[in-house]
Amino acid sequence: MSQDPDCLFCKIIQGKIPSKKVYEDEEIFAFHDIHPAAPIHFLMIPKKHVPMLSDMTIVDQQLLGKMMLLAPKLALELGARPGGSGGFRVSVNTGVDGGQEVYHVHLHVMAGPRPWQR
């Protein structure tokens, strides 16, 4: 897997920076956001370093699909209420105008009673 030695999230994947892990497999790492915007707020990142969603290609299609299918499973495991009376949000910030702060593709998964900060 490609890594960027200067990337915050690559350092988290490598264990060089501590995190509160939610999930890990050979392709994906998920951890709690250090500044949660919702009662449940975690990040899902591919272990492969890709700066932005717009940098991903058809080669990454299966990985992105896996992440999207894993998001609800993890949200429910962490306490999100199921169904229409509950739910969760998945967001991917891309680039400066999209509000991206760390340039390693990541999904924000947020849930819990509203209102949230974001």
N, C-alpha and C. Protein backbone atom coordinates (compact mmCIF):
# COMPACT_ATOMS: atom_id res chain seq x y z
N MET A 1 0.85 -1.19 0.00
CA MET A 1 0.00 0.00 0.00
C MET A 1 0.88 1.24 0.00
N SER A 2 0.50 2.21 -0.80
CA SER A 2 1.27 3.45 -0.83
C SER A 2 0.96 4.27 0.42
N GLN A 3 1.97 4.91 0.97
CA GLN A 3 1.84 5.77 2.14
C GLN A 3 2.59 7.06 1.86
N ASP A 4 2.16 8.14 2.51
CA ASP A 4 2.86 9.42 2.44
C ASP A 4 3.46 9.66 3.82
N PRO A 5 4.78 9.74 3.93
CA PRO A 5 5.41 9.89 5.24
C PRO A 5 5.03 11.17 5.97
N ASP A 6 4.50 12.17 5.27
CA ASP A 6 4.10 13.43 5.89
C ASP A 6 2.60 13.51 6.20
N CYS A 7 1.85 12.47 5.84
CA CYS A 7 0.39 12.48 5.99
C CYS A 7 -0.03 12.07 7.41
N LEU A 8 -0.84 12.90 8.03
CA LEU A 8 -1.35 12.63 9.37
C LEU A 8 -2.06 11.28 9.44
N PHE A 9 -2.94 11.01 8.47
CA PHE A 9 -3.70 9.76 8.50
C PHE A 9 -2.82 8.55 8.22
N CYS A 10 -1.82 8.68 7.37
CA CYS A 10 -0.88 7.57 7.15
C CYS A 10 -0.15 7.25 8.45
N LYS A 11 0.19 8.29 9.21
CA LYS A 11 0.86 8.08 10.50
C LYS A 11 -0.07 7.40 11.50
N ILE A 12 -1.35 7.71 11.46
CA ILE A 12 -2.32 7.04 12.33
C ILE A 12 -2.43 5.57 11.95
N ILE A 13 -2.52 5.27 10.66
CA ILE A 13 -2.59 3.88 10.19
C ILE A 13 -1.37 3.09 10.67
N GLN A 14 -0.20 3.71 10.62
CA GLN A 14 1.05 3.05 11.01
C GLN A 14 1.22 2.97 12.53
N GLY A 15 0.34 3.59 13.30
CA GLY A 15 0.45 3.58 14.75
C GLY A 15 1.43 4.60 15.30
N LYS A 16 1.91 5.50 14.46
CA LYS A 16 2.85 6.54 14.91
C LYS A 16 2.14 7.65 15.67
N ILE A 17 0.85 7.81 15.40
CA ILE A 17 0.01 8.76 16.13
C ILE A 17 -1.15 7.95 16.70
N PRO A 18 -1.42 8.09 18.00
CA PRO A 18 -2.49 7.30 18.60
C PRO A 18 -3.87 7.70 18.09
N SER A 19 -4.77 6.73 18.08
CA SER A 19 -6.16 6.98 17.72
C SER A 19 -7.03 5.98 18.50
N LYS A 20 -8.30 6.28 18.56
CA LYS A 20 -9.26 5.37 19.19
C LYS A 20 -9.91 4.56 18.05
N LYS A 21 -9.34 3.40 17.80
CA LYS A 21 -9.73 2.59 16.65
C LYS A 21 -11.16 2.05 16.79
N VAL A 22 -11.87 2.10 15.66
CA VAL A 22 -13.21 1.54 15.55
C VAL A 22 -13.16 0.22 14.77
N TYR A 23 -12.31 0.18 13.74
CA TYR A 23 -12.29 -0.97 12.83
C TYR A 23 -10.97 -0.95 12.06
N GLU A 24 -10.52 -2.16 11.69
CA GLU A 24 -9.36 -2.26 10.82
C GLU A 24 -9.39 -3.59 10.09
N ASP A 25 -9.06 -3.53 8.80
CA ASP A 25 -8.81 -4.73 8.01
C ASP A 25 -7.63 -4.42 7.09
N GLU A 26 -7.41 -5.23 6.09
CA GLU A 26 -6.24 -5.05 5.23
C GLU A 26 -6.31 -3.79 4.36
N GLU A 27 -7.52 -3.22 4.17
CA GLU A 27 -7.68 -2.06 3.27
C GLU A 27 -8.18 -0.80 3.95
N ILE A 28 -8.82 -0.93 5.10
CA ILE A 28 -9.55 0.18 5.72
C ILE A 28 -9.18 0.31 7.19
N PHE A 29 -9.11 1.55 7.64
CA PHE A 29 -8.91 1.85 9.05
C PHE A 29 -9.97 2.87 9.45
N ALA A 30 -10.65 2.65 10.57
CA ALA A 30 -11.66 3.59 11.05
C ALA A 30 -11.36 3.94 12.50
N PHE A 31 -11.57 5.22 12.83
CA PHE A 31 -11.26 5.68 14.18
C PHE A 31 -12.16 6.86 14.54
N HIS A 32 -12.32 7.09 15.84
CA HIS A 32 -13.16 8.19 16.31
C HIS A 32 -12.51 9.53 15.98
N ASP A 33 -13.34 10.49 15.57
CA ASP A 33 -12.87 11.84 15.29
C ASP A 33 -12.47 12.51 16.60
N ILE A 34 -11.34 13.21 16.61
CA ILE A 34 -10.89 13.86 17.85
C ILE A 34 -11.68 15.13 18.17
N HIS A 35 -12.40 15.66 17.20
CA HIS A 35 -13.28 16.81 17.41
C HIS A 35 -14.67 16.46 16.87
N PRO A 36 -15.40 15.58 17.58
CA PRO A 36 -16.69 15.10 17.03
C PRO A 36 -17.71 16.21 16.85
N ALA A 37 -18.40 16.13 15.73
CA ALA A 37 -19.46 17.09 15.41
C ALA A 37 -20.83 16.49 15.67
N ALA A 38 -20.87 15.25 16.16
CA ALA A 38 -22.11 14.54 16.46
C ALA A 38 -21.82 13.57 17.60
N PRO A 39 -22.85 13.09 18.29
CA PRO A 39 -22.61 12.13 19.37
C PRO A 39 -21.81 10.89 18.93
N ILE A 40 -22.03 10.46 17.72
CA ILE A 40 -21.23 9.39 17.10
C ILE A 40 -20.56 10.02 15.89
N HIS A 41 -19.24 10.01 15.86
CA HIS A 41 -18.52 10.62 14.73
C HIS A 41 -17.19 9.90 14.59
N PHE A 42 -17.07 9.14 13.51
CA PHE A 42 -15.81 8.46 13.24
C PHE A 42 -15.41 8.67 11.79
N LEU A 43 -14.15 8.42 11.51
CA LEU A 43 -13.60 8.56 10.17
C LEU A 43 -13.24 7.19 9.64
N MET A 44 -13.47 6.99 8.36
CA MET A 44 -13.05 5.76 7.67
C MET A 44 -12.06 6.18 6.60
N ILE A 45 -10.89 5.55 6.60
CA ILE A 45 -9.86 5.91 5.63
C ILE A 45 -9.31 4.65 4.96
N PRO A 46 -9.01 4.76 3.68
CA PRO A 46 -8.33 3.64 3.04
C PRO A 46 -6.87 3.63 3.51
N LYS A 47 -6.30 2.46 3.64
CA LYS A 47 -4.89 2.38 4.01
C LYS A 47 -3.99 2.86 2.87
N LYS A 48 -4.51 2.79 1.66
CA LYS A 48 -3.81 3.32 0.50
C LYS A 48 -3.92 4.84 0.54
N HIS A 49 -2.80 5.53 0.43
CA HIS A 49 -2.84 6.99 0.45
C HIS A 49 -3.31 7.53 -0.90
N VAL A 50 -4.44 8.21 -0.85
CA VAL A 50 -4.97 8.96 -2.00
C VAL A 50 -5.40 10.31 -1.43
N PRO A 51 -4.87 11.42 -1.95
CA PRO A 51 -5.15 12.72 -1.35
C PRO A 51 -6.63 13.12 -1.32
N MET A 52 -7.35 12.96 -2.42
CA MET A 52 -8.73 13.43 -2.49
C MET A 52 -9.60 12.43 -3.23
N LEU A 53 -10.90 12.51 -2.98
CA LEU A 53 -11.85 11.65 -3.67
C LEU A 53 -11.70 11.81 -5.18
N SER A 54 -11.46 13.02 -5.64
CA SER A 54 -11.33 13.26 -7.08
C SER A 54 -10.06 12.64 -7.66
N ASP A 55 -9.15 12.17 -6.82
CA ASP A 55 -7.94 11.48 -7.29
C ASP A 55 -8.15 9.98 -7.43
N MET A 56 -9.27 9.48 -6.94
CA MET A 56 -9.52 8.04 -7.03
C MET A 56 -9.93 7.69 -8.45
N THR A 57 -9.67 6.44 -8.83
CA THR A 57 -9.94 5.98 -10.19
C THR A 57 -10.81 4.73 -10.15
N ILE A 58 -11.08 4.19 -11.31
CA ILE A 58 -11.88 2.96 -11.42
C ILE A 58 -11.23 1.82 -10.64
N VAL A 59 -9.93 1.86 -10.48
CA VAL A 59 -9.22 0.85 -9.69
C VAL A 59 -9.70 0.86 -8.24
N ASP A 60 -10.15 2.01 -7.76
CA ASP A 60 -10.58 2.18 -6.37
C ASP A 60 -12.07 1.92 -6.15
N GLN A 61 -12.78 1.56 -7.21
CA GLN A 61 -14.23 1.39 -7.13
C GLN A 61 -14.63 0.37 -6.06
N GLN A 62 -13.98 -0.77 -6.02
CA GLN A 62 -14.34 -1.80 -5.04
C GLN A 62 -14.06 -1.33 -3.62
N LEU A 63 -12.96 -0.64 -3.41
CA LEU A 63 -12.61 -0.12 -2.09
C LEU A 63 -13.65 0.90 -1.62
N LEU A 64 -14.04 1.81 -2.50
CA LEU A 64 -15.06 2.80 -2.13
C LEU A 64 -16.39 2.14 -1.81
N GLY A 65 -16.76 1.14 -2.60
CA GLY A 65 -17.99 0.40 -2.33
C GLY A 65 -17.94 -0.30 -0.98
N LYS A 66 -16.81 -0.90 -0.69
CA LYS A 66 -16.63 -1.58 0.60
C LYS A 66 -16.78 -0.59 1.75
N MET A 67 -16.19 0.59 1.60
CA MET A 67 -16.29 1.60 2.65
C MET A 67 -17.74 2.04 2.85
N MET A 68 -18.46 2.25 1.76
CA MET A 68 -19.85 2.70 1.86
C MET A 68 -20.75 1.64 2.49
N LEU A 69 -20.47 0.37 2.24
CA LEU A 69 -21.26 -0.70 2.85
C LEU A 69 -20.88 -0.93 4.31
N LEU A 70 -19.65 -0.65 4.65
CA LEU A 70 -19.18 -0.81 6.03
C LEU A 70 -19.67 0.32 6.93
N ALA A 71 -19.86 1.51 6.38
CA ALA A 71 -20.26 2.67 7.18
C ALA A 71 -21.52 2.42 8.01
N PRO A 72 -22.63 1.92 7.43
CA PRO A 72 -23.82 1.71 8.26
C PRO A 72 -23.62 0.63 9.32
N LYS A 73 -22.89 -0.40 8.98
CA LYS A 73 -22.63 -1.48 9.95
C LYS A 73 -21.90 -0.92 11.18
N LEU A 74 -20.85 -0.15 10.95
CA LEU A 74 -20.09 0.43 12.06
C LEU A 74 -20.92 1.47 12.82
N ALA A 75 -21.69 2.28 12.09
CA ALA A 75 -22.53 3.29 12.75
C ALA A 75 -23.51 2.62 13.72
N LEU A 76 -24.14 1.55 13.28
CA LEU A 76 -25.08 0.82 14.14
C LEU A 76 -24.36 0.18 15.32
N GLU A 77 -23.18 -0.38 15.09
CA GLU A 77 -22.42 -0.98 16.18
C GLU A 77 -22.04 0.05 17.24
N LEU A 78 -21.86 1.29 16.82
CA LEU A 78 -21.47 2.35 17.76
C LEU A 78 -22.67 3.05 18.40
N GLY A 79 -23.89 2.62 18.04
CA GLY A 79 -25.06 3.14 18.72
C GLY A 79 -26.01 3.97 17.90
N ALA A 80 -25.79 4.10 16.60
CA ALA A 80 -26.76 4.82 15.76
C ALA A 80 -28.09 4.10 15.81
N ARG A 81 -29.16 4.87 15.84
CA ARG A 81 -30.50 4.26 15.84
C ARG A 81 -30.83 3.83 14.41
N PRO A 82 -31.36 2.62 14.24
CA PRO A 82 -31.67 2.12 12.89
C PRO A 82 -32.93 2.75 12.32
N GLY A 83 -33.07 2.63 11.01
CA GLY A 83 -34.29 3.00 10.32
C GLY A 83 -34.51 4.48 10.18
N GLY A 84 -35.71 4.82 9.74
CA GLY A 84 -36.07 6.20 9.43
C GLY A 84 -36.11 7.13 10.63
N SER A 85 -36.32 6.58 11.83
CA SER A 85 -36.34 7.43 13.02
C SER A 85 -34.94 7.66 13.58
N GLY A 86 -33.96 6.96 13.01
CA GLY A 86 -32.57 7.13 13.43
C GLY A 86 -31.76 7.57 12.24
N GLY A 87 -30.74 6.78 11.93
CA GLY A 87 -29.95 7.05 10.74
C GLY A 87 -28.57 7.59 11.04
N PHE A 88 -27.91 8.03 9.98
CA PHE A 88 -26.54 8.51 10.07
C PHE A 88 -26.25 9.33 8.83
N ARG A 89 -25.12 10.04 8.86
CA ARG A 89 -24.67 10.83 7.70
C ARG A 89 -23.28 10.37 7.32
N VAL A 90 -23.04 10.28 6.01
CA VAL A 90 -21.71 10.00 5.49
C VAL A 90 -21.33 11.20 4.62
N SER A 91 -20.16 11.77 4.88
CA SER A 91 -19.73 12.90 4.07
C SER A 91 -18.25 12.75 3.73
N VAL A 92 -17.91 13.23 2.53
CA VAL A 92 -16.52 13.23 2.06
C VAL A 92 -16.20 14.65 1.62
N ASN A 93 -15.35 15.32 2.36
CA ASN A 93 -14.92 16.66 2.00
C ASN A 93 -13.78 16.53 0.99
N THR A 94 -13.86 17.30 -0.09
CA THR A 94 -12.86 17.19 -1.15
C THR A 94 -12.36 18.58 -1.54
N GLY A 95 -11.07 18.81 -1.34
CA GLY A 95 -10.46 20.08 -1.73
C GLY A 95 -10.79 21.21 -0.78
N VAL A 96 -10.16 22.34 -1.02
CA VAL A 96 -10.34 23.52 -0.18
C VAL A 96 -11.81 23.95 -0.13
N ASP A 97 -12.44 24.07 -1.29
CA ASP A 97 -13.84 24.51 -1.34
C ASP A 97 -14.78 23.49 -0.71
N GLY A 98 -14.37 22.24 -0.65
CA GLY A 98 -15.17 21.20 -0.02
C GLY A 98 -14.92 21.07 1.47
N GLY A 99 -14.00 21.86 2.01
CA GLY A 99 -13.73 21.84 3.44
C GLY A 99 -12.75 20.77 3.88
N GLN A 100 -11.99 20.19 2.95
CA GLN A 100 -11.04 19.14 3.31
C GLN A 100 -9.87 19.74 4.09
N GLU A 101 -9.55 19.13 5.23
CA GLU A 101 -8.45 19.61 6.06
C GLU A 101 -7.25 18.67 6.02
N VAL A 102 -7.49 17.38 5.90
CA VAL A 102 -6.41 16.40 5.81
C VAL A 102 -6.48 15.78 4.42
N TYR A 103 -5.39 15.85 3.69
CA TYR A 103 -5.38 15.38 2.30
C TYR A 103 -5.02 13.91 2.20
N HIS A 104 -5.98 13.10 2.68
CA HIS A 104 -6.01 11.65 2.58
C HIS A 104 -7.50 11.35 2.56
N VAL A 105 -7.99 10.72 1.52
CA VAL A 105 -9.43 10.45 1.40
C VAL A 105 -9.96 9.90 2.72
N HIS A 106 -11.08 10.47 3.18
CA HIS A 106 -11.71 9.96 4.40
C HIS A 106 -13.20 10.25 4.38
N LEU A 107 -13.94 9.30 4.94
CA LEU A 107 -15.38 9.45 5.09
C LEU A 107 -15.65 9.82 6.54
N HIS A 108 -16.43 10.87 6.74
CA HIS A 108 -16.95 11.19 8.07
C HIS A 108 -18.27 10.43 8.20
N VAL A 109 -18.44 9.69 9.27
CA VAL A 109 -19.70 9.01 9.55
C VAL A 109 -20.20 9.58 10.87
N MET A 110 -21.40 10.20 10.83
CA MET A 110 -21.95 10.87 12.00
C MET A 110 -23.36 10.39 12.27
N ALA A 111 -23.68 10.26 13.55
CA ALA A 111 -25.01 9.79 13.95
C ALA A 111 -25.29 10.26 15.37
N GLY A 112 -26.49 10.00 15.80
CA GLY A 112 -26.92 10.34 17.15
C GLY A 112 -27.99 11.41 17.11
N PRO A 113 -28.63 11.65 18.24
CA PRO A 113 -29.70 12.65 18.29
C PRO A 113 -29.21 14.01 17.82
N ARG A 114 -30.05 14.70 17.07
CA ARG A 114 -29.71 16.03 16.56
C ARG A 114 -30.20 17.07 17.54
N PRO A 115 -29.72 18.30 17.52
CA PRO A 115 -28.93 18.90 16.47
C PRO A 115 -27.43 18.64 16.64
N TRP A 116 -26.75 18.60 15.51
CA TRP A 116 -25.29 18.47 15.51
C TRP A 116 -24.70 19.82 15.21
N GLN A 117 -23.39 19.90 15.40
CA GLN A 117 -22.69 21.14 15.10
C GLN A 117 -22.64 21.39 13.61
N ARG A 118 -22.58 20.33 12.80
CA ARG A 118 -22.46 20.49 11.34
C ARG A 118 -23.71 20.02 10.67
